[in-house]
Amino acid sequence: MAVDTFIPEVWAASLLTTLEKSLVFGGTGITNRDYEGDISQFGDTVHVNFLTDPTVATYTKNSTTISPQTLTTADEDLVIDQTPYFAFEVDDIDARQVRNGGDLMSKASQRAAFRLRDTADQFLATTIVAGAGEVFDPETITTVGDAFRFILRAMAELDRNDVPQDGRFLAVGPDFHAAILGDSRFIDASKYGSSTPIRAGEVGMVLGFTVYKSNNLPEGTYAGSVPAYSRYVVAGHPIATTFAQQINKVEAYRPESAFSDAVKGLHVYGAKVLRPEALVVQDTDVNLETITLA
């Protein structure tokens, strides 16, 4: 849609842009990029092979006949099948009527590029939740202790599955985050006392989990008697999910059929949960107006 309905008097030199969400799921704290090099160089599919463990048997001197075991593999396909894009233009006449017309193009380009990243972040969050190996029954969080109990159970589940201790993450929505803020066992990121840069969306630590807050976690289904905000919570390790992008590009150009400046952007990517045993999810319902801090 053209912007010819606007006149200079109602256009400001600086534009008010939409508030941005934290984009966290494409970061190294939640997913890995182990196969991105293979994707970008050789094609749109990577066949990931898993080696089965060799069998361990008991050796008896002068008795056991050793027969080498033939190793076997199983493979998973990582496919680059997500291709969102944007394209928009600003007519030269419209741009002329705007104070600082370049600011219009710049801000619009930033917003469009952010929407591409946000779309990828939502896709990754949905992929991770859908691919989790352990799904706890939905629960209504009525106390801070309820929130902490999920973290304890998730920790134990990951321990049972031999998931590495270092690098574990906990991804939560704003309401669950607000609930655990009332627990002294949660360490706020502002109190780390570390010079290490904090990743996007990172808000703290609890029981060895780095906690991330995101509005891109899938919404759950609330079935209780008291209204509450329902959203999935995810605990896991970056080894579980791999993410690869093949093209991530934004270009400015002059269309041949118009007197205008145009910008287009393309993001081509894919993701897959390869180790579901390293992910635990739960549909949680939180009502901050009724939650008990004790």
Protein backbone atom coordinates (compact mmCIF):
# COMPACT_ATOMS: atom_id res chain seq x y z
CA MET A 1 0.00 0.00 0.00
CA ALA A 2 1.39 3.43 -0.95
CA VAL A 3 1.91 6.10 1.67
CA ASP A 4 0.37 8.86 -0.48
CA THR A 5 -2.34 9.50 2.13
CA PHE A 6 0.24 11.18 4.32
CA ILE A 7 1.43 14.79 4.03
CA PRO A 8 4.66 16.34 5.41
CA GLU A 9 2.91 17.97 8.35
CA VAL A 10 2.02 14.62 9.92
CA TRP A 11 5.32 12.85 9.30
CA ALA A 12 7.97 13.05 12.00
CA ALA A 13 11.70 12.94 11.29
CA SER A 14 12.07 9.96 13.61
CA LEU A 15 9.78 6.94 13.45
CA LEU A 16 8.34 5.06 16.41
CA THR A 17 9.00 1.38 15.73
CA THR A 18 7.29 -1.68 17.15
CA LEU A 19 8.62 -3.09 20.40
CA GLU A 20 10.85 -6.09 19.82
CA LYS A 21 10.76 -9.48 21.49
CA SER A 22 13.89 -11.26 22.64
CA LEU A 23 15.00 -13.81 20.07
CA VAL A 24 16.68 -16.68 21.88
CA PHE A 25 16.11 -20.07 20.28
CA GLY A 26 18.59 -19.62 17.44
CA GLY A 27 21.36 -18.83 19.91
CA THR A 28 24.08 -21.28 20.89
CA GLY A 29 22.64 -21.56 24.39
CA ILE A 30 19.59 -23.49 23.12
CA THR A 31 20.45 -24.97 19.70
CA ASN A 32 23.63 -26.07 17.94
CA ARG A 33 24.97 -25.30 14.45
CA ASP A 34 26.98 -28.50 14.04
CA TYR A 35 25.87 -29.18 10.44
CA GLU A 36 25.46 -25.67 9.08
CA GLY A 37 28.75 -25.82 7.18
CA ASP A 38 27.66 -28.96 5.34
CA ILE A 39 24.34 -27.35 4.40
CA SER A 40 25.79 -24.07 3.12
CA GLN A 41 28.44 -25.75 0.98
CA PHE A 42 26.83 -28.85 -0.46
CA GLY A 43 23.04 -28.73 -0.56
CA ASP A 44 19.71 -28.52 1.21
CA THR A 45 19.79 -31.84 3.12
CA VAL A 46 22.31 -33.34 5.52
CA HIS A 47 22.12 -37.03 6.47
CA VAL A 48 23.21 -37.25 10.09
CA ASN A 49 24.48 -40.72 11.04
CA PHE A 50 24.22 -42.12 14.56
CA LEU A 51 26.62 -44.92 15.50
CA THR A 52 25.18 -47.71 17.63
CA ASP A 53 27.21 -48.66 20.72
CA PRO A 54 29.42 -51.76 20.48
CA THR A 55 28.38 -54.69 22.67
CA VAL A 56 30.51 -55.37 25.75
CA ALA A 57 30.97 -59.07 26.66
CA THR A 58 32.98 -61.06 29.19
CA TYR A 59 36.29 -62.57 28.12
CA THR A 60 37.32 -65.95 29.54
CA LYS A 61 40.94 -66.97 29.14
CA ASN A 62 41.53 -69.97 26.82
CA SER A 63 37.81 -70.21 26.18
CA THR A 64 36.29 -67.13 24.53
CA THR A 65 36.25 -66.96 20.75
CA ILE A 66 36.20 -63.31 19.75
CA SER A 67 34.00 -62.41 16.78
CA PRO A 68 34.22 -58.73 15.79
CA GLN A 69 30.85 -57.01 15.80
CA THR A 70 29.71 -55.25 12.65
CA LEU A 71 28.88 -51.68 13.61
CA THR A 72 25.60 -50.23 12.41
CA THR A 73 24.35 -46.68 11.98
CA ALA A 74 20.99 -44.95 11.86
CA ASP A 75 20.50 -41.70 10.04
CA GLU A 76 18.34 -38.59 10.43
CA ASP A 77 17.76 -35.98 7.73
CA LEU A 78 18.23 -32.27 8.45
CA VAL A 79 16.30 -30.54 5.67
CA ILE A 80 16.38 -26.84 4.80
CA ASP A 81 12.66 -26.34 4.14
CA GLN A 82 11.77 -22.93 5.64
CA THR A 83 11.87 -20.01 3.16
CA PRO A 84 10.21 -16.83 4.52
CA TYR A 85 10.88 -13.52 2.75
CA PHE A 86 9.75 -9.88 2.65
CA ALA A 87 9.75 -7.19 -0.03
CA PHE A 88 8.55 -3.59 0.12
CA GLU A 89 9.10 -0.31 -1.70
CA VAL A 90 8.75 3.42 -1.09
CA ASP A 91 7.83 5.58 -4.08
CA ASP A 92 10.17 8.49 -4.81
CA ILE A 93 7.27 10.96 -4.62
CA ASP A 94 6.19 9.62 -1.23
CA ALA A 95 9.75 9.67 0.06
CA ARG A 96 10.12 13.30 -1.08
CA GLN A 97 7.19 14.37 1.11
CA VAL A 98 8.72 12.84 4.23
CA ARG A 99 11.21 14.62 6.41
CA ASN A 100 14.27 12.38 6.49
CA GLY A 101 12.86 9.83 4.03
CA GLY A 102 15.98 7.69 4.46
CA ASP A 103 14.94 7.11 8.06
CA LEU A 104 11.69 5.59 6.79
CA MET A 105 13.55 3.05 4.65
CA SER A 106 16.08 2.31 7.38
CA LYS A 107 13.51 1.73 10.13
CA ALA A 108 11.25 -0.31 7.85
CA SER A 109 14.21 -2.46 6.79
CA GLN A 110 15.17 -3.05 10.41
CA ARG A 111 11.62 -4.05 11.28
CA ALA A 112 11.32 -6.38 8.30
CA ALA A 113 14.65 -8.05 9.08
CA PHE A 114 13.55 -8.46 12.69
CA ARG A 115 10.32 -10.12 11.53
CA LEU A 116 12.37 -12.67 9.58
CA ARG A 117 14.43 -13.49 12.67
CA ASP A 118 11.31 -13.60 14.83
CA THR A 119 9.66 -16.04 12.42
CA ALA A 120 12.71 -18.32 12.67
CA ASP A 121 12.70 -18.02 16.46
CA GLN A 122 9.04 -19.09 16.65
CA PHE A 123 9.73 -22.00 14.30
CA LEU A 124 12.61 -23.18 16.47
CA ALA A 125 10.59 -22.90 19.68
CA THR A 126 7.75 -24.94 18.16
CA THR A 127 10.20 -27.53 16.78
CA ILE A 128 11.87 -27.96 20.17
CA VAL A 129 8.59 -28.37 22.09
CA ALA A 130 7.18 -30.82 19.52
CA GLY A 131 10.37 -32.90 19.50
CA ALA A 132 10.90 -33.26 23.25
CA GLY A 133 11.44 -36.80 24.48
CA GLU A 134 9.74 -36.24 27.84
CA VAL A 135 6.43 -34.39 28.21
CA PHE A 136 5.24 -33.86 31.77
CA ASP A 137 1.51 -33.66 32.47
CA PRO A 138 0.10 -30.10 32.36
CA GLU A 139 0.22 -28.33 35.69
CA THR A 140 -1.21 -25.21 37.28
CA ILE A 141 1.49 -23.25 39.10
CA THR A 142 -0.11 -22.01 42.32
CA THR A 143 3.06 -21.48 44.37
CA VAL A 144 6.70 -20.67 43.76
CA GLY A 145 7.42 -24.19 44.96
CA ASP A 146 5.35 -25.62 42.09
CA ALA A 147 7.59 -23.80 39.58
CA PHE A 148 10.73 -24.99 41.34
CA ARG A 149 9.44 -28.57 41.41
CA PHE A 150 9.25 -28.64 37.60
CA ILE A 151 12.91 -27.59 37.45
CA LEU A 152 13.84 -30.34 39.92
CA ARG A 153 11.96 -32.98 37.93
CA ALA A 154 13.49 -31.79 34.66
CA MET A 155 16.96 -31.91 36.19
CA ALA A 156 16.41 -35.48 37.38
CA GLU A 157 15.06 -36.56 33.98
CA LEU A 158 18.08 -35.14 32.16
CA ASP A 159 20.39 -36.75 34.72
CA ARG A 160 18.78 -40.14 34.09
CA ASN A 161 19.37 -39.67 30.37
CA ASP A 162 23.08 -38.82 30.88
CA VAL A 163 22.61 -35.35 29.41
CA PRO A 164 25.72 -33.20 30.04
CA GLN A 165 25.53 -30.96 33.11
CA ASP A 166 27.30 -28.01 31.51
CA GLY A 167 25.27 -25.94 29.10
CA ARG A 168 21.75 -26.90 30.20
CA PHE A 169 19.04 -24.33 29.56
CA LEU A 170 15.56 -23.52 30.84
CA ALA A 171 13.30 -21.52 28.51
CA VAL A 172 10.25 -19.93 30.15
CA GLY A 173 7.57 -17.37 29.45
CA PRO A 174 7.20 -14.06 31.33
CA ASP A 175 4.72 -15.42 33.88
CA PHE A 176 6.79 -18.48 34.83
CA HIS A 177 9.84 -16.23 35.05
CA ALA A 178 8.00 -13.86 37.37
CA ALA A 179 7.04 -16.84 39.54
CA ILE A 180 10.59 -18.12 40.01
CA LEU A 181 11.82 -14.60 40.76
CA GLY A 182 10.22 -15.13 44.16
CA ASP A 183 12.47 -18.14 44.88
CA SER A 184 15.79 -17.44 46.60
CA ARG A 185 17.35 -20.36 44.69
CA PHE A 186 17.01 -18.41 41.44
CA ILE A 187 20.02 -16.18 40.65
CA ASP A 188 19.12 -13.09 38.66
CA ALA A 189 21.43 -12.41 35.69
CA SER A 190 22.16 -8.91 37.01
CA LYS A 191 23.81 -10.53 40.05
CA TYR A 192 26.17 -12.86 38.15
CA GLY A 193 29.18 -10.69 38.87
CA SER A 194 30.72 -11.90 35.61
CA SER A 195 32.23 -10.02 32.67
CA THR A 196 30.96 -12.67 30.23
CA PRO A 197 28.38 -11.20 27.81
CA ILE A 198 24.82 -12.26 28.61
CA ARG A 199 23.04 -13.96 25.70
CA ALA A 200 19.81 -12.59 24.26
CA GLY A 201 16.89 -13.46 26.51
CA GLU A 202 19.11 -14.72 29.35
CA VAL A 203 17.65 -13.75 32.72
CA GLY A 204 19.36 -15.91 35.34
CA MET A 205 20.49 -19.28 36.68
CA VAL A 206 18.81 -22.01 38.73
CA LEU A 207 20.01 -25.55 39.58
CA GLY A 208 22.67 -25.39 36.87
CA PHE A 209 20.22 -24.24 34.17
CA THR A 210 20.79 -20.99 32.31
CA VAL A 211 17.32 -19.41 32.25
CA TYR A 212 16.00 -17.69 29.12
CA LYS A 213 12.76 -15.71 28.87
CA SER A 214 10.83 -15.68 25.60
CA ASN A 215 7.40 -14.79 24.25
CA ASN A 216 7.95 -17.20 21.37
CA LEU A 217 7.35 -20.37 23.37
CA PRO A 218 4.15 -22.05 22.14
CA GLU A 219 1.01 -21.30 24.10
CA GLY A 220 -0.51 -24.22 25.98
CA THR A 221 -4.12 -25.19 26.62
CA TYR A 222 -5.53 -24.18 29.99
CA ALA A 223 -8.26 -26.42 31.38
CA GLY A 224 -8.42 -25.28 35.01
CA SER A 225 -11.16 -23.48 36.89
CA VAL A 226 -9.14 -20.31 37.56
CA PRO A 227 -8.10 -18.16 34.58
CA ALA A 228 -4.35 -18.26 34.01
CA TYR A 229 -1.80 -17.73 31.28
CA SER A 230 -0.78 -21.01 29.71
CA ARG A 231 2.57 -21.51 27.99
CA TYR A 232 5.06 -24.34 27.53
CA VAL A 233 8.27 -24.47 29.57
CA VAL A 234 11.33 -26.23 28.12
CA ALA A 235 14.40 -27.64 29.87
CA GLY A 236 17.22 -29.23 27.93
CA HIS A 237 20.62 -29.00 26.32
CA PRO A 238 21.81 -27.55 22.96
CA ILE A 239 22.91 -31.03 21.81
CA ALA A 240 19.23 -31.87 21.33
CA THR A 241 18.39 -29.54 18.44
CA THR A 242 20.42 -28.55 15.41
CA PHE A 243 19.73 -25.42 13.35
CA ALA A 244 21.17 -24.44 9.99
CA GLN A 245 20.56 -21.49 7.70
CA GLN A 246 21.60 -21.42 4.07
CA ILE A 247 20.75 -17.85 3.11
CA ASN A 248 20.18 -14.87 5.37
CA LYS A 249 20.20 -11.82 3.15
CA VAL A 250 18.65 -8.33 2.93
CA GLU A 251 19.14 -6.32 -0.29
CA ALA A 252 18.20 -2.81 -1.42
CA TYR A 253 17.45 -2.19 -5.10
CA ARG A 254 15.64 0.04 -7.62
CA PRO A 255 12.72 -1.76 -9.33
CA GLU A 256 12.76 -1.40 -13.11
CA SER A 257 9.00 -0.82 -13.35
CA ALA A 258 8.74 2.05 -10.82
CA PHE A 259 10.48 5.15 -9.49
CA SER A 260 11.04 3.84 -6.01
CA ASP A 261 13.49 2.37 -3.56
CA ALA A 262 12.83 -1.23 -2.61
CA VAL A 263 14.19 -3.70 -0.08
CA LYS A 264 13.82 -7.47 -0.05
CA GLY A 265 14.99 -10.08 2.38
CA LEU A 266 15.19 -13.87 2.39
CA HIS A 267 15.89 -16.36 5.16
CA VAL A 268 16.30 -20.04 4.27
CA TYR A 269 16.78 -22.46 7.15
CA GLY A 270 15.84 -25.73 8.82
CA ALA A 271 16.01 -27.40 12.22
CA LYS A 272 15.53 -30.81 13.75
CA VAL A 273 15.55 -32.41 17.17
CA LEU A 274 18.18 -35.16 16.93
CA ARG A 275 18.39 -36.05 20.63
CA PRO A 276 14.87 -35.89 22.09
CA GLU A 277 16.07 -37.43 25.35
CA ALA A 278 17.84 -34.11 26.04
CA LEU A 279 14.57 -32.13 26.13
CA VAL A 280 11.81 -31.95 28.76
CA VAL A 281 8.64 -29.87 28.31
CA GLN A 282 5.51 -29.08 30.27
CA ASP A 283 2.37 -27.06 29.60
CA THR A 284 2.21 -24.75 32.63
CA ASP A 285 -0.53 -22.39 33.75
CA VAL A 286 0.40 -19.37 35.86
CA ASN A 287 -1.86 -16.80 37.47
CA LEU A 288 0.34 -14.19 39.11
CA GLU A 289 -2.64 -12.62 40.88
CA THR A 290 -3.28 -15.76 42.92
CA ILE A 291 0.17 -17.34 43.18
CA THR A 292 1.59 -17.95 46.65
CA LEU A 293 5.20 -16.96 47.22
CA ALA A 294 5.80 -19.38 50.08
